[in-house]
Amino acid sequence: ELLVARRRAAEGVERRKEQMQAQIERVLPLSRALAAAHRQVQDAKEGLSVERARLGDLQRLLTTRQQSMVAQVAALYPVRVFRDLPVAQNHHSRTNGENSVSMCLP
Protein backbone atom coordinates (compact mmCIF):
# COMPACT_ATOMS: atom_id res chain seq x y z
CA GLU A 1 0.00 0.00 0.00
CA LEU A 2 2.77 2.40 0.84
CA LEU A 3 4.43 1.72 -2.51
CA VAL A 4 1.14 2.39 -4.36
CA ALA A 5 0.60 5.60 -2.40
CA ARG A 6 4.13 6.75 -3.24
CA ARG A 7 3.63 5.93 -6.91
CA ARG A 8 0.31 7.84 -6.99
CA ALA A 9 1.90 10.77 -5.20
CA ALA A 10 4.79 10.75 -7.67
CA GLU A 11 2.33 10.64 -10.59
CA GLY A 12 0.39 13.53 -9.05
CA VAL A 13 3.59 15.49 -8.63
CA GLU A 14 4.56 14.75 -12.23
CA ARG A 15 1.12 15.85 -13.48
CA ARG A 16 1.34 19.08 -11.50
CA LYS A 17 4.84 19.66 -12.82
CA GLU A 18 3.60 19.25 -16.42
CA GLN A 19 0.67 21.59 -15.74
CA MET A 20 2.96 24.20 -14.26
CA GLN A 21 5.35 23.86 -17.20
CA ALA A 22 2.43 24.42 -19.60
CA GLN A 23 1.36 27.49 -17.63
CA ILE A 24 4.91 28.82 -17.69
CA GLU A 25 5.06 28.32 -21.45
CA ARG A 26 1.82 30.32 -21.81
CA VAL A 27 2.87 33.08 -19.43
CA LEU A 28 6.46 33.55 -20.61
CA PRO A 29 5.61 35.06 -24.05
CA LEU A 30 3.02 37.30 -22.39
CA SER A 31 5.61 38.44 -19.88
CA ARG A 32 8.06 39.24 -22.67
CA ALA A 33 5.39 41.15 -24.57
CA LEU A 34 4.51 43.09 -21.43
CA ALA A 35 8.17 43.96 -20.84
CA ALA A 36 8.49 45.16 -24.45
CA ALA A 37 5.32 47.25 -24.13
CA HIS A 38 6.63 48.73 -20.89
CA ARG A 39 9.87 49.71 -22.63
CA GLN A 40 7.87 51.34 -25.42
CA VAL A 41 5.81 53.30 -22.90
CA GLN A 42 8.96 54.45 -21.10
CA ASP A 43 10.51 55.51 -24.42
CA ALA A 44 7.33 57.39 -25.33
CA LYS A 45 7.32 59.12 -21.93
CA GLU A 46 10.93 60.16 -22.41
CA GLY A 47 10.11 61.47 -25.89
CA LEU A 48 7.17 63.45 -24.53
CA SER A 49 9.34 64.89 -21.78
CA VAL A 50 11.91 66.04 -24.33
CA GLU A 51 9.15 67.46 -26.53
CA ARG A 52 7.55 69.24 -23.56
CA ALA A 53 10.90 70.84 -22.71
CA ARG A 54 11.39 71.88 -26.34
CA LEU A 55 7.91 73.40 -26.48
CA GLY A 56 8.55 75.25 -23.22
CA ASP A 57 11.74 76.69 -24.67
CA LEU A 58 9.87 77.67 -27.82
CA GLN A 59 7.10 79.29 -25.76
CA ARG A 60 9.65 81.35 -23.85
CA LEU A 61 11.33 82.33 -27.12
CA LEU A 62 8.01 83.40 -28.65
CA THR A 63 7.06 85.37 -25.54
CA THR A 64 10.41 87.17 -25.61
CA ARG A 65 10.01 87.86 -29.33
CA GLN A 66 6.48 89.15 -28.82
CA GLN A 67 7.63 91.50 -26.05
CA SER A 68 10.44 92.73 -28.29
CA MET A 69 8.03 93.35 -31.17
CA VAL A 70 5.61 95.20 -28.91
CA ALA A 71 8.47 97.36 -27.66
CA GLN A 72 9.56 98.08 -31.25
CA VAL A 73 6.04 99.03 -32.30
CA ALA A 74 5.64 101.18 -29.18
CA ALA A 75 8.90 102.95 -30.04
CA LEU A 76 7.72 103.61 -33.61
CA TYR A 77 4.14 104.54 -32.73
CA PRO A 78 4.00 105.90 -29.19
CA VAL A 79 0.54 105.98 -27.69
CA ARG A 80 -0.91 107.72 -24.68
CA VAL A 81 -3.21 105.69 -22.51
CA PHE A 82 -6.11 107.44 -20.81
CA ARG A 83 -7.89 105.55 -18.06
CA ASP A 84 -11.28 106.24 -16.52
CA LEU A 85 -12.10 109.38 -18.45
CA PRO A 86 -15.66 110.64 -18.16
CA VAL A 87 -17.91 109.54 -21.01
CA ALA A 88 -18.02 113.07 -22.44
CA GLN A 89 -14.23 113.13 -22.84
CA ASN A 90 -13.75 109.54 -23.94
CA HIS A 91 -15.70 108.73 -27.09
CA HIS A 92 -14.45 105.09 -27.04
CA SER A 93 -15.71 104.35 -23.55
CA ARG A 94 -18.21 101.65 -22.76
CA THR A 95 -21.65 102.67 -21.58
CA ASN A 96 -22.05 99.85 -19.07
CA GLY A 97 -19.93 101.53 -16.38
CA GLU A 98 -16.82 99.36 -16.76
CA ASN A 99 -13.40 100.94 -16.55
CA SER A 100 -12.22 101.78 -19.99
CA VAL A 101 -8.92 102.33 -21.68
CA SER A 102 -8.62 104.66 -24.60
CA MET A 103 -5.51 105.02 -26.69
CA CYS A 104 -4.70 108.04 -28.73
CA LEU A 105 -1.82 108.58 -31.13
CA PRO A 106 0.09 111.84 -30.39
C-alpha atoms as a PDB file:
ATOM      1  CA  GLU A   1       0.000   0.000   0.000  1.00  0.00           C
ATOM      2  CA  LEU A   2       2.771   2.399   0.842  1.00  0.00           C
ATOM      3  CA  LEU A   3       4.426   1.723  -2.511  1.00  0.00           C
ATOM      4  CA  VAL A   4       1.143   2.386  -4.361  1.00  0.00           C
ATOM      5  CA  ALA A   5       0.596   5.602  -2.404  1.00  0.00           C
ATOM      6  CA  ARG A   6       4.126   6.750  -3.236  1.00  0.00           C
ATOM      7  CA  ARG A   7       3.630   5.934  -6.907  1.00  0.00           C
ATOM      8  CA  ARG A   8       0.310   7.844  -6.993  1.00  0.00           C
ATOM      9  CA  ALA A   9       1.897  10.773  -5.199  1.00  0.00           C
ATOM     10  CA  ALA A  10       4.794  10.752  -7.673  1.00  0.00           C
ATOM     11  CA  GLU A  11       2.329  10.641 -10.587  1.00  0.00           C
ATOM     12  CA  GLY A  12       0.395  13.525  -9.046  1.00  0.00           C
ATOM     13  CA  VAL A  13       3.591  15.490  -8.626  1.00  0.00           C
ATOM     14  CA  GLU A  14       4.563  14.751 -12.229  1.00  0.00           C
ATOM     15  CA  ARG A  15       1.124  15.852 -13.479  1.00  0.00           C
ATOM     16  CA  ARG A  16       1.336  19.083 -11.502  1.00  0.00           C
ATOM     17  CA  LYS A  17       4.835  19.660 -12.823  1.00  0.00           C
ATOM     18  CA  GLU A  18       3.596  19.254 -16.415  1.00  0.00           C
ATOM     19  CA  GLN A  19       0.669  21.590 -15.741  1.00  0.00           C
ATOM     20  CA  MET A  20       2.960  24.202 -14.263  1.00  0.00           C
ATOM     21  CA  GLN A  21       5.345  23.864 -17.198  1.00  0.00           C
ATOM     22  CA  ALA A  22       2.427  24.417 -19.603  1.00  0.00           C
ATOM     23  CA  GLN A  23       1.362  27.495 -17.628  1.00  0.00           C
ATOM     24  CA  ILE A  24       4.915  28.823 -17.685  1.00  0.00           C
ATOM     25  CA  GLU A  25       5.057  28.317 -21.450  1.00  0.00           C
ATOM     26  CA  ARG A  26       1.822  30.323 -21.811  1.00  0.00           C
ATOM     27  CA  VAL A  27       2.875  33.082 -19.430  1.00  0.00           C
ATOM     28  CA  LEU A  28       6.458  33.553 -20.611  1.00  0.00           C
ATOM     29  CA  PRO A  29       5.614  35.063 -24.046  1.00  0.00           C
ATOM     30  CA  LEU A  30       3.022  37.304 -22.394  1.00  0.00           C
ATOM     31  CA  SER A  31       5.609  38.439 -19.878  1.00  0.00           C
ATOM     32  CA  ARG A  32       8.061  39.238 -22.673  1.00  0.00           C
ATOM     33  CA  ALA A  33       5.386  41.153 -24.574  1.00  0.00           C
ATOM     34  CA  LEU A  34       4.510  43.088 -21.430  1.00  0.00           C
ATOM     35  CA  ALA A  35       8.166  43.963 -20.838  1.00  0.00           C
ATOM     36  CA  ALA A  36       8.493  45.156 -24.450  1.00  0.00           C
ATOM     37  CA  ALA A  37       5.321  47.246 -24.133  1.00  0.00           C
ATOM     38  CA  HIS A  38       6.629  48.727 -20.886  1.00  0.00           C
ATOM     39  CA  ARG A  39       9.875  49.712 -22.628  1.00  0.00           C
ATOM     40  CA  GLN A  40       7.871  51.337 -25.422  1.00  0.00           C
ATOM     41  CA  VAL A  41       5.810  53.302 -22.900  1.00  0.00           C
ATOM     42  CA  GLN A  42       8.959  54.451 -21.101  1.00  0.00           C
ATOM     43  CA  ASP A  43      10.511  55.508 -24.422  1.00  0.00           C
ATOM     44  CA  ALA A  44       7.331  57.394 -25.328  1.00  0.00           C
ATOM     45  CA  LYS A  45       7.319  59.123 -21.927  1.00  0.00           C
ATOM     46  CA  GLU A  46      10.926  60.163 -22.410  1.00  0.00           C
ATOM     47  CA  GLY A  47      10.114  61.467 -25.894  1.00  0.00           C
ATOM     48  CA  LEU A  48       7.173  63.447 -24.526  1.00  0.00           C
ATOM     49  CA  SER A  49       9.336  64.885 -21.783  1.00  0.00           C
ATOM     50  CA  VAL A  50      11.908  66.039 -24.334  1.00  0.00           C
ATOM     51  CA  GLU A  51       9.150  67.462 -26.534  1.00  0.00           C
ATOM     52  CA  ARG A  52       7.548  69.242 -23.564  1.00  0.00           C
ATOM     53  CA  ALA A  53      10.899  70.838 -22.711  1.00  0.00           C
ATOM     54  CA  ARG A  54      11.393  71.879 -26.341  1.00  0.00           C
ATOM     55  CA  LEU A  55       7.911  73.398 -26.484  1.00  0.00           C
ATOM     56  CA  GLY A  56       8.547  75.252 -23.216  1.00  0.00           C
ATOM     57  CA  ASP A  57      11.739  76.690 -24.667  1.00  0.00           C
ATOM     58  CA  LEU A  58       9.866  77.666 -27.823  1.00  0.00           C
ATOM     59  CA  GLN A  59       7.098  79.291 -25.760  1.00  0.00           C
ATOM     60  CA  ARG A  60       9.655  81.355 -23.848  1.00  0.00           C
ATOM     61  CA  LEU A  61      11.334  82.330 -27.123  1.00  0.00           C
ATOM     62  CA  LEU A  62       8.014  83.396 -28.646  1.00  0.00           C
ATOM     63  CA  THR A  63       7.064  85.372 -25.544  1.00  0.00           C
ATOM     64  CA  THR A  64      10.407  87.170 -25.609  1.00  0.00           C
ATOM     65  CA  ARG A  65      10.011  87.859 -29.326  1.00  0.00           C
ATOM     66  CA  GLN A  66       6.480  89.149 -28.820  1.00  0.00           C
ATOM     67  CA  GLN A  67       7.634  91.500 -26.054  1.00  0.00           C
ATOM     68  CA  SER A  68      10.438  92.731 -28.294  1.00  0.00           C
ATOM     69  CA  MET A  69       8.035  93.348 -31.173  1.00  0.00           C
ATOM     70  CA  VAL A  70       5.607  95.203 -28.908  1.00  0.00           C
ATOM     71  CA  ALA A  71       8.474  97.364 -27.662  1.00  0.00           C
ATOM     72  CA  GLN A  72       9.560  98.076 -31.251  1.00  0.00           C
ATOM     73  CA  VAL A  73       6.036  99.032 -32.303  1.00  0.00           C
ATOM     74  CA  ALA A  74       5.642 101.181 -29.185  1.00  0.00           C
ATOM     75  CA  ALA A  75       8.902 102.947 -30.045  1.00  0.00           C
ATOM     76  CA  LEU A  76       7.724 103.609 -33.613  1.00  0.00           C
ATOM     77  CA  TYR A  77       4.143 104.539 -32.726  1.00  0.00           C
ATOM     78  CA  PRO A  78       3.998 105.901 -29.190  1.00  0.00           C
ATOM     79  CA  VAL A  79       0.537 105.981 -27.688  1.00  0.00           C
ATOM     80  CA  ARG A  80      -0.914 107.725 -24.683  1.00  0.00           C
ATOM     81  CA  VAL A  81      -3.212 105.688 -22.512  1.00  0.00           C
ATOM     82  CA  PHE A  82      -6.113 107.442 -20.808  1.00  0.00           C
ATOM     83  CA  ARG A  83      -7.891 105.555 -18.063  1.00  0.00           C
ATOM     84  CA  ASP A  84     -11.276 106.241 -16.519  1.00  0.00           C
ATOM     85  CA  LEU A  85     -12.102 109.378 -18.447  1.00  0.00           C
ATOM     86  CA  PRO A  86     -15.656 110.641 -18.161  1.00  0.00           C
ATOM     87  CA  VAL A  87     -17.905 109.544 -21.006  1.00  0.00           C
ATOM     88  CA  ALA A  88     -18.023 113.068 -22.438  1.00  0.00           C
ATOM     89  CA  GLN A  89     -14.230 113.134 -22.844  1.00  0.00           C
ATOM     90  CA  ASN A  90     -13.753 109.537 -23.944  1.00  0.00           C
ATOM     91  CA  HIS A  91     -15.696 108.728 -27.090  1.00  0.00           C
ATOM     92  CA  HIS A  92     -14.451 105.088 -27.040  1.00  0.00           C
ATOM     93  CA  SER A  93     -15.710 104.349 -23.546  1.00  0.00           C
ATOM     94  CA  ARG A  94     -18.214 101.652 -22.763  1.00  0.00           C
ATOM     95  CA  THR A  95     -21.649 102.666 -21.583  1.00  0.00           C
ATOM     96  CA  ASN A  96     -22.050  99.850 -19.067  1.00  0.00           C
ATOM     97  CA  GLY A  97     -19.933 101.527 -16.381  1.00  0.00           C
ATOM     98  CA  GLU A  98     -16.821  99.362 -16.761  1.00  0.00           C
ATOM     99  CA  ASN A  99     -13.400 100.938 -16.546  1.00  0.00           C
ATOM    100  CA  SER A 100     -12.222 101.776 -19.988  1.00  0.00           C
ATOM    101  CA  VAL A 101      -8.921 102.328 -21.680  1.00  0.00           C
ATOM    102  CA  SER A 102      -8.616 104.659 -24.596  1.00  0.00           C
ATOM    103  CA  MET A 103      -5.508 105.024 -26.692  1.00  0.00           C
ATOM    104  CA  CYS A 104      -4.697 108.035 -28.727  1.00  0.00           C
ATOM    105  CA  LEU A 105      -1.823 108.578 -31.127  1.00  0.00           C
ATOM    106  CA  PRO A 106       0.089 111.835 -30.393  1.00  0.00           C
END
